[in-house]
Amino acid sequence: MLPENADKPLSSSRRHAMKLGACGLCALGLARAGISMAQVASPPDLGPGLVRPRPAAWFEPNLDGSLRCQLCPWQCDLSDGETGRCRVRRNHGGHGETLAYGNPVLVQEEPLERLPFFHVHPGSRTLALSTAGCNLHCKFCEVWDMALVDPHEVHAYDMPPDQAIEQARMAGLGSISYAFGEPVVFYEYMISVAEQAREAGLLNLLHTAAFINKRPLTTLLGLMDAVNVDLKSFDPTFYRDVAGGRLEPVLDALLLCRQAGLHIEITNVVIPAMNDDMDMIARMCRWIHDELGPDTPLHFSRFYPLYKLTNLPQTPVSVLDRARQSALDAGLKHVYISNVTGHEAENTFCPNCGHQAISRLGFIVDRVDLDNGNCNQCGQPLAGLWGDNNGQL
């Protein structure tokens, strides 16, 4: 039987001292904790309230002199001096600005499996970046003390785009990931880093709640190689009351990702009594199958009591098993269970012959049995970005 406390997510006290066990990787940690950036080049400056406002795109003037932010579906109307829901975009003297540029509060070296990307260069590591701010307000937010705060309230690294690229290259990393917080709110910084990452031959990986308007998303996707979208529920009421957002723009964003030809993975945190209705999960899985394709990897992630939902229990493994079976019944080929170390559904199986093509234990990849992304047993191609090692670790 699987342990009920397997693989809990990072609490605010654990994030800054996290170690990745047998991987031998030391996390770089939350910037505000002042932890040294192990296994990466010399650390940049660290400072409290490190904010250098920069001009921001996607603002339009209103007739009354205010500005409307067109980055996300909230479309905040901002008078001079006002900041949007995200806490980082503002009207300053009639000009749109961002307070989230070159000042990440999280700079972390991570296995891609933690993000999670299970079908992108398995076993490799990435440099993850995030700033303060978020345009949603999830009651189960794991990083609420980083994302749901004003950038003036936290410590941040002084890290312009070129230095982020240098950090990744000196650490021998093959990708930059915009993850853990909400990358939409540091849009301009992400674009600048991604442009330089592409020139340097690094992959750009995005993990986002995808609460973003179509035009800025289209521009962003032109720089991304893969995206993992948090599809928090298939229930509009849940999105409104628990996530502080709306479902429809997220579905529209997923369709745009599909049209852009990107590799897509989806994460759904299953919360007891909140979004664990099996009929709703079945509808979600059918939508993913029909609109995004049966090869789309889906991660059902175990909920642990966090932030404003500490009154709820952790998700029973049996509920995650039922959700996974529902997804398989809907025709999805790659369905995973996350945050339950040792579960069989951490592994990747060939959808044709059932061969265990990738073996995992938590975030550790033990074995990859693929040849150029094809199953070594039957030759079936598996969807993903498999890298240059032909799946051999």
Protein backbone atom coordinates (compact mmCIF):
# COMPACT_ATOMS: atom_id res chain seq x y z
CA MET A 1 0.00 0.00 0.00
CA LEU A 2 1.25 3.48 -0.82
CA PRO A 3 2.07 5.75 2.13
CA GLU A 4 -0.53 8.43 2.76
CA ASN A 5 2.15 11.08 3.31
CA ALA A 6 4.15 10.34 0.19
CA ASP A 7 5.85 13.23 -1.55
CA LYS A 8 4.21 16.22 0.06
CA PRO A 9 4.54 19.52 -1.79
CA LEU A 10 6.90 22.24 -0.62
CA SER A 11 5.78 24.35 2.29
CA SER A 12 7.19 27.85 2.68
CA SER A 13 9.68 26.52 5.22
CA ARG A 14 10.76 23.62 3.02
CA ARG A 15 11.18 25.50 -0.26
CA HIS A 16 14.31 27.41 0.71
CA ALA A 17 16.14 24.35 2.03
CA MET A 18 14.90 21.68 -0.36
CA LYS A 19 17.24 18.97 -1.48
CA LEU A 20 16.51 16.54 -4.26
CA GLY A 21 17.70 13.43 -2.46
CA ALA A 22 19.29 10.79 -4.61
CA CYS A 23 19.50 13.18 -7.55
CA GLY A 24 22.29 14.90 -5.68
CA LEU A 25 20.87 18.27 -6.65
CA CYS A 26 20.69 21.13 -4.20
CA ALA A 27 17.87 23.56 -4.83
CA LEU A 28 18.81 27.15 -5.36
CA GLY A 29 15.99 28.18 -3.06
CA LEU A 30 13.77 31.17 -2.58
CA ALA A 31 15.68 34.36 -3.07
CA ARG A 32 14.17 36.07 -0.07
CA ALA A 33 15.64 33.37 2.17
CA GLY A 34 19.14 34.35 1.07
CA ILE A 35 20.20 30.79 0.27
CA SER A 36 23.33 30.47 -1.87
CA MET A 37 22.80 29.31 -5.43
CA ALA A 38 24.38 25.87 -5.25
CA GLN A 39 25.62 24.26 -8.48
CA VAL A 40 25.15 27.53 -10.36
CA ALA A 41 27.57 30.35 -11.06
CA SER A 42 28.30 33.03 -8.47
CA PRO A 43 25.02 34.40 -7.10
CA PRO A 44 23.73 37.79 -8.17
CA ASP A 45 22.87 40.53 -5.72
CA LEU A 46 20.04 39.90 -3.32
CA GLY A 47 17.91 42.65 -1.93
CA PRO A 48 14.61 43.41 -0.24
CA GLY A 49 11.98 45.07 -2.38
CA LEU A 50 14.21 45.01 -5.46
CA VAL A 51 11.98 46.69 -8.06
CA ARG A 52 13.07 48.51 -11.20
CA PRO A 53 9.95 49.50 -13.16
CA ARG A 54 10.11 48.88 -16.88
CA PRO A 55 7.80 49.89 -19.75
CA ALA A 56 5.23 47.17 -20.36
CA ALA A 57 3.31 46.13 -23.45
CA TRP A 58 -0.40 45.38 -23.78
CA PHE A 59 -1.76 48.61 -22.32
CA GLU A 60 -4.34 50.74 -24.12
CA PRO A 61 -5.55 54.24 -23.18
CA ASN A 62 -9.15 54.86 -22.12
CA LEU A 63 -11.06 58.04 -22.93
CA ASP A 64 -10.92 59.16 -19.29
CA GLY A 65 -7.12 59.05 -19.22
CA SER A 66 -6.83 55.72 -17.45
CA LEU A 67 -5.12 52.68 -18.97
CA ARG A 68 -6.60 49.28 -19.67
CA CYS A 69 -4.24 46.33 -19.30
CA GLN A 70 -4.88 43.86 -22.12
CA LEU A 71 -2.52 41.14 -20.93
CA CYS A 72 -5.05 38.94 -19.15
CA PRO A 73 -8.84 38.54 -19.13
CA TRP A 74 -9.28 40.82 -16.11
CA GLN A 75 -8.47 43.80 -18.34
CA CYS A 76 -7.88 46.04 -15.34
CA ASP A 77 -8.68 49.73 -15.83
CA LEU A 78 -5.96 51.63 -13.97
CA SER A 79 -5.86 55.29 -13.02
CA ASP A 80 -2.49 56.96 -12.58
CA GLY A 81 -0.62 55.21 -9.77
CA GLU A 82 -2.93 52.19 -9.63
CA THR A 83 -1.69 48.59 -9.86
CA GLY A 84 -3.68 45.70 -11.29
CA ARG A 85 -4.94 42.55 -9.57
CA CYS A 86 -1.62 40.90 -10.34
CA ARG A 87 0.23 43.41 -8.10
CA VAL A 88 2.96 43.98 -10.71
CA ARG A 89 1.44 45.93 -13.63
CA ARG A 90 0.56 49.58 -13.15
CA ASN A 91 -0.27 52.95 -14.68
CA HIS A 92 2.56 55.39 -14.04
CA GLY A 93 1.91 58.83 -15.42
CA GLY A 94 -0.20 57.48 -18.25
CA HIS A 95 2.33 54.83 -19.25
CA GLY A 96 2.06 51.11 -18.58
CA GLU A 97 4.81 49.63 -16.42
CA THR A 98 5.78 46.27 -14.99
CA LEU A 99 7.33 45.84 -11.56
CA ALA A 100 8.39 42.27 -12.42
CA TYR A 101 11.46 42.54 -14.62
CA GLY A 102 14.91 41.24 -13.77
CA ASN A 103 13.96 40.63 -10.14
CA PRO A 104 13.05 36.95 -9.71
CA VAL A 105 12.29 35.81 -6.19
CA LEU A 106 12.86 32.21 -7.18
CA VAL A 107 15.88 30.96 -9.10
CA GLN A 108 16.03 27.21 -8.80
CA GLU A 109 17.76 24.32 -10.50
CA GLU A 110 15.21 21.53 -10.85
CA PRO A 111 14.62 18.18 -12.53
CA LEU A 112 12.04 18.62 -15.27
CA GLU A 113 9.93 15.96 -13.58
CA ARG A 114 9.17 18.36 -10.72
CA LEU A 115 7.52 20.95 -12.97
CA PRO A 116 6.13 18.40 -14.12
CA PHE A 117 7.29 17.67 -17.66
CA PHE A 118 7.37 13.89 -18.13
CA HIS A 119 7.72 13.92 -21.91
CA VAL A 120 10.51 16.49 -22.25
CA HIS A 121 14.15 15.38 -22.00
CA PRO A 122 13.54 12.92 -19.14
CA GLY A 123 16.14 13.04 -16.40
CA SER A 124 17.47 16.45 -17.38
CA ARG A 125 17.58 19.62 -15.27
CA THR A 126 16.38 23.15 -15.87
CA LEU A 127 16.79 26.63 -14.45
CA ALA A 128 13.39 27.72 -13.10
CA LEU A 129 12.55 31.41 -12.72
CA SER A 130 9.65 33.22 -11.10
CA THR A 131 8.85 36.68 -9.76
CA ALA A 132 6.31 37.89 -7.23
CA GLY A 133 2.73 38.40 -8.38
CA CYS A 134 -0.15 36.38 -9.81
CA ASN A 135 -3.35 37.23 -11.66
CA LEU A 136 -5.32 34.45 -9.94
CA HIS A 137 -5.91 33.88 -6.22
CA CYS A 138 -6.13 30.14 -5.64
CA LYS A 139 -7.18 29.16 -2.14
CA PHE A 140 -4.87 26.14 -2.42
CA CYS A 141 -1.82 28.05 -3.70
CA GLU A 142 1.40 26.26 -2.77
CA VAL A 143 3.56 29.36 -3.19
CA TRP A 144 1.16 31.98 -1.84
CA ASP A 145 3.87 33.71 0.19
CA MET A 146 5.82 34.26 -3.02
CA ALA A 147 3.14 34.73 -5.68
CA LEU A 148 0.33 36.46 -3.82
CA VAL A 149 2.42 39.36 -2.57
CA ASP A 150 3.59 42.75 -3.77
CA PRO A 151 7.14 42.70 -5.25
CA HIS A 152 8.14 45.42 -2.78
CA GLU A 153 7.46 42.98 0.08
CA VAL A 154 9.95 40.23 -0.83
CA HIS A 155 13.65 39.76 -1.42
CA ALA A 156 14.64 39.28 -5.02
CA TYR A 157 17.70 38.51 -7.09
CA ASP A 158 19.09 41.19 -9.38
CA MET A 159 19.08 39.07 -12.53
CA PRO A 160 18.70 40.72 -15.93
CA PRO A 161 17.95 38.37 -18.85
CA ASP A 162 21.55 37.91 -19.96
CA GLN A 163 22.57 36.86 -16.46
CA ALA A 164 19.78 34.27 -16.32
CA ILE A 165 21.14 32.75 -19.53
CA GLU A 166 24.66 32.80 -18.13
CA GLN A 167 23.52 31.06 -14.94
CA ALA A 168 21.93 28.27 -16.97
CA ARG A 169 24.90 27.82 -19.29
CA MET A 170 27.51 27.80 -16.51
CA ALA A 171 25.49 25.14 -14.70
CA GLY A 172 25.34 23.03 -17.86
CA LEU A 173 21.56 23.23 -18.09
CA GLY A 174 19.71 22.82 -21.37
CA SER A 175 16.59 24.81 -20.65
CA ILE A 176 14.98 27.75 -18.88
CA SER A 177 11.62 27.15 -17.19
CA TYR A 178 9.14 29.84 -16.28
CA ALA A 179 7.39 28.07 -13.45
CA PHE A 180 6.29 27.73 -9.80
CA GLY A 181 4.83 31.24 -9.68
CA GLU A 182 2.70 32.62 -12.53
CA PRO A 183 4.80 33.55 -15.58
CA VAL A 184 1.99 35.54 -17.21
CA VAL A 185 2.59 38.39 -14.77
CA PHE A 186 6.29 38.69 -15.63
CA TYR A 187 5.50 38.60 -19.33
CA GLU A 188 8.08 41.16 -20.51
CA TYR A 189 10.89 39.60 -18.47
CA MET A 190 9.96 36.15 -19.73
CA ILE A 191 9.95 37.34 -23.34
CA SER A 192 13.40 38.92 -22.95
CA VAL A 193 14.88 35.81 -21.31
CA ALA A 194 13.22 33.49 -23.83
CA GLU A 195 14.58 35.42 -26.81
CA GLN A 196 18.11 35.16 -25.47
CA ALA A 197 17.61 31.52 -24.46
CA ARG A 198 16.60 30.64 -28.00
CA GLU A 199 19.69 32.39 -29.38
CA ALA A 200 21.79 30.40 -26.90
CA GLY A 201 20.24 27.09 -27.97
CA LEU A 202 18.31 26.56 -24.73
CA LEU A 203 14.76 25.23 -24.55
CA ASN A 204 12.03 27.50 -23.20
CA LEU A 205 9.51 25.68 -21.00
CA LEU A 206 6.36 27.27 -19.60
CA HIS A 207 4.23 26.10 -16.67
CA THR A 208 1.26 28.40 -16.32
CA ALA A 209 -2.36 28.70 -15.26
CA ALA A 210 -2.87 30.16 -18.77
CA PHE A 211 -5.15 32.98 -17.66
CA ILE A 212 -4.00 35.22 -20.48
CA ASN A 213 -5.53 36.92 -23.51
CA LYS A 214 -5.09 35.44 -26.97
CA ARG A 215 -2.91 38.12 -28.59
CA PRO A 216 -0.15 38.22 -25.96
CA LEU A 217 -0.29 34.43 -25.68
CA THR A 218 0.21 34.04 -29.43
CA THR A 219 3.35 36.18 -29.22
CA LEU A 220 4.64 34.21 -26.24
CA LEU A 221 4.05 30.79 -27.76
CA GLY A 222 6.31 31.66 -30.66
CA LEU A 223 9.22 31.47 -28.21
CA MET A 224 8.18 28.39 -26.21
CA ASP A 225 9.08 24.75 -26.85
CA ALA A 226 6.66 23.10 -24.43
CA VAL A 227 3.93 24.14 -22.03
CA ASN A 228 2.33 22.59 -18.96
CA VAL A 229 -1.03 24.17 -18.15
CA ASP A 230 -2.69 23.99 -14.74
CA LEU A 231 -6.27 23.09 -15.64
CA LYS A 232 -7.59 23.57 -12.14
CA SER A 233 -11.07 22.19 -12.77
CA PHE A 234 -13.65 21.78 -15.50
CA ASP A 235 -16.21 23.60 -13.36
CA PRO A 236 -16.66 27.37 -13.95
CA THR A 237 -17.93 27.81 -10.38
CA PHE A 238 -14.73 26.30 -8.97
CA TYR A 239 -12.66 28.66 -11.08
CA ARG A 240 -14.63 31.64 -9.80
CA ASP A 241 -14.86 30.72 -6.12
CA VAL A 242 -11.70 28.71 -5.45
CA ALA A 243 -9.17 29.80 -8.08
CA GLY A 244 -10.26 33.41 -8.48
CA GLY A 245 -10.49 33.21 -12.25
CA ARG A 246 -12.56 31.93 -15.15
CA LEU A 247 -12.47 28.62 -17.00
CA GLU A 248 -13.22 29.70 -20.57
CA PRO A 249 -10.04 31.77 -21.15
CA VAL A 250 -7.94 28.83 -19.97
CA LEU A 251 -9.60 26.48 -22.44
CA ASP A 252 -9.09 29.07 -25.19
CA ALA A 253 -5.41 29.26 -24.25
CA LEU A 254 -5.06 25.49 -24.44
CA LEU A 255 -6.56 25.50 -27.92
CA LEU A 256 -4.06 28.17 -28.97
CA CYS A 257 -1.20 26.05 -27.61
CA ARG A 258 -2.47 23.16 -29.70
CA GLN A 259 -2.76 25.32 -32.81
CA ALA A 260 0.81 26.53 -32.27
CA GLY A 261 2.02 22.93 -32.45
CA LEU A 262 3.64 22.98 -29.01
CA HIS A 263 4.12 19.94 -26.84
CA ILE A 264 1.42 20.25 -24.15
CA GLU A 265 1.11 18.60 -20.75
CA ILE A 266 -1.70 19.29 -18.29
CA THR A 267 -1.74 19.27 -14.49
CA ASN A 268 -4.92 18.92 -12.45
CA VAL A 269 -4.71 19.10 -8.64
CA VAL A 270 -7.50 16.90 -7.30
CA ILE A 271 -8.97 18.46 -4.14
CA PRO A 272 -11.35 16.46 -1.92
CA ALA A 273 -14.95 17.72 -2.04
CA MET A 274 -13.92 20.62 -4.28
CA ASN A 275 -13.08 19.35 -7.78
CA ASP A 276 -13.06 15.56 -7.40
CA ASP A 277 -16.47 14.84 -8.92
CA MET A 278 -15.85 11.93 -11.29
CA ASP A 279 -18.49 12.99 -13.82
CA MET A 280 -16.82 16.38 -14.10
CA ILE A 281 -13.38 14.77 -14.39
CA ALA A 282 -14.70 12.51 -17.15
CA ARG A 283 -15.98 15.55 -19.07
CA MET A 284 -12.61 17.23 -18.69
CA CYS A 285 -10.79 14.16 -19.97
CA ARG A 286 -13.08 13.84 -22.99
CA TRP A 287 -12.45 17.50 -23.81
CA ILE A 288 -8.69 16.99 -23.60
CA HIS A 289 -8.96 13.92 -25.83
CA ASP A 290 -11.16 15.59 -28.43
CA GLU A 291 -9.59 19.06 -28.52
CA LEU A 292 -5.92 18.51 -27.66
CA GLY A 293 -5.41 14.91 -28.69
CA PRO A 294 -5.15 11.49 -27.01
CA ASP A 295 -1.35 11.76 -26.71
CA THR A 296 -1.59 14.77 -24.35
CA PRO A 297 0.03 13.81 -21.01
CA LEU A 298 -2.28 14.49 -18.04
CA HIS A 299 -0.98 14.68 -14.46
CA PHE A 300 -3.44 14.18 -11.60
CA SER A 301 -1.65 15.77 -8.65
CA ARG A 302 -2.33 14.99 -5.02
CA PHE A 303 -3.61 17.88 -2.91
CA TYR A 304 -2.14 18.58 0.50
CA PRO A 305 -3.71 21.08 2.94
CA LEU A 306 -2.30 24.50 2.05
CA TYR A 307 -2.97 28.21 2.37
CA LYS A 308 -6.74 28.73 2.84
CA LEU A 309 -7.73 25.06 2.51
CA THR A 310 -5.93 23.64 5.52
CA ASN A 311 -9.25 22.28 6.77
CA LEU A 312 -9.38 19.69 3.98
CA PRO A 313 -7.69 16.28 4.01
CA GLN A 314 -5.06 15.24 1.53
CA THR A 315 -6.40 13.49 -1.55
CA PRO A 316 -6.91 9.75 -1.02
CA VAL A 317 -4.83 7.71 -3.45
CA SER A 318 -7.99 5.79 -4.35
CA VAL A 319 -9.56 9.00 -5.68
CA LEU A 320 -6.51 9.66 -7.85
CA ASP A 321 -6.69 6.09 -9.13
CA ARG A 322 -10.33 6.59 -10.12
CA ALA A 323 -9.52 9.86 -11.87
CA ARG A 324 -6.72 8.17 -13.80
CA GLN A 325 -8.97 5.31 -14.84
CA SER A 326 -11.56 7.82 -16.04
CA ALA A 327 -8.91 9.49 -18.20
CA LEU A 328 -7.78 6.16 -19.63
CA ASP A 329 -11.40 5.25 -20.35
CA ALA A 330 -11.72 8.54 -22.24
CA GLY A 331 -8.89 7.42 -24.50
CA LEU A 332 -5.96 9.41 -23.08
CA LYS A 333 -2.73 7.47 -23.50
CA HIS A 334 -0.43 9.03 -20.90
CA VAL A 335 -2.06 9.63 -17.52
CA TYR A 336 0.09 10.18 -14.44
CA ILE A 337 -0.37 10.47 -10.69
CA SER A 338 1.90 13.06 -9.08
CA ASN A 339 2.96 13.68 -5.47
CA VAL A 340 2.61 10.00 -4.57
CA THR A 341 6.13 8.57 -4.66
CA GLY A 342 6.29 4.93 -5.69
CA HIS A 343 2.96 4.86 -7.52
CA GLU A 344 3.01 2.86 -10.74
CA ALA A 345 1.46 5.82 -12.54
CA GLU A 346 4.69 7.80 -12.16
CA ASN A 347 6.05 5.71 -15.02
CA THR A 348 5.55 6.10 -18.76
CA PHE A 349 4.10 3.14 -20.62
CA CYS A 350 3.99 2.54 -24.34
CA PRO A 351 0.35 3.02 -25.39
CA ASN A 352 0.71 0.27 -27.99
CA CYS A 353 2.40 -2.66 -26.25
CA GLY A 354 2.34 -1.58 -22.58
CA HIS A 355 6.13 -1.67 -22.18
CA GLN A 356 7.45 0.52 -19.34
CA ALA A 357 9.36 3.02 -21.44
CA ILE A 358 10.41 5.39 -18.63
CA SER A 359 10.87 4.34 -15.00
CA ARG A 360 10.59 6.97 -12.26
CA LEU A 361 10.67 7.20 -8.49
CA GLY A 362 9.38 10.59 -7.48
CA PHE A 363 11.39 13.10 -9.49
CA ILE A 364 14.19 10.62 -10.19
CA VAL A 365 14.32 9.03 -13.64
CA ASP A 366 15.81 5.58 -13.22
CA ARG A 367 15.61 4.28 -16.77
CA VAL A 368 14.60 5.43 -20.25
CA ASP A 369 13.95 2.71 -22.81
CA LEU A 370 13.28 4.74 -25.94
CA ASP A 371 15.04 5.05 -29.28
CA ASN A 372 14.59 8.54 -30.74
CA GLY A 373 11.28 8.75 -28.90
CA ASN A 374 10.11 5.33 -30.07
CA CYS A 375 9.34 2.36 -27.83
CA ASN A 376 12.28 -0.04 -27.83
CA GLN A 377 9.91 -3.01 -27.71
CA CYS A 378 7.48 -2.29 -30.55
CA GLY A 379 8.71 0.89 -32.22
CA GLN A 380 5.63 2.96 -31.32
CA PRO A 381 6.40 6.72 -31.34
CA LEU A 382 5.64 8.49 -28.05
CA ALA A 383 4.65 12.15 -28.06
CA GLY A 384 7.23 14.48 -26.54
CA LEU A 385 10.58 16.21 -26.86
CA TRP A 386 13.08 13.49 -26.21
CA GLY A 387 16.44 15.23 -26.70
CA ASP A 388 19.68 14.02 -28.22
CA ASN A 389 20.41 11.09 -25.93
CA ASN A 390 17.90 8.82 -27.68
CA GLY A 391 16.38 8.11 -24.32
CA GLN A 392 19.49 6.57 -22.81
CA LEU A 393 20.58 7.69 -19.33
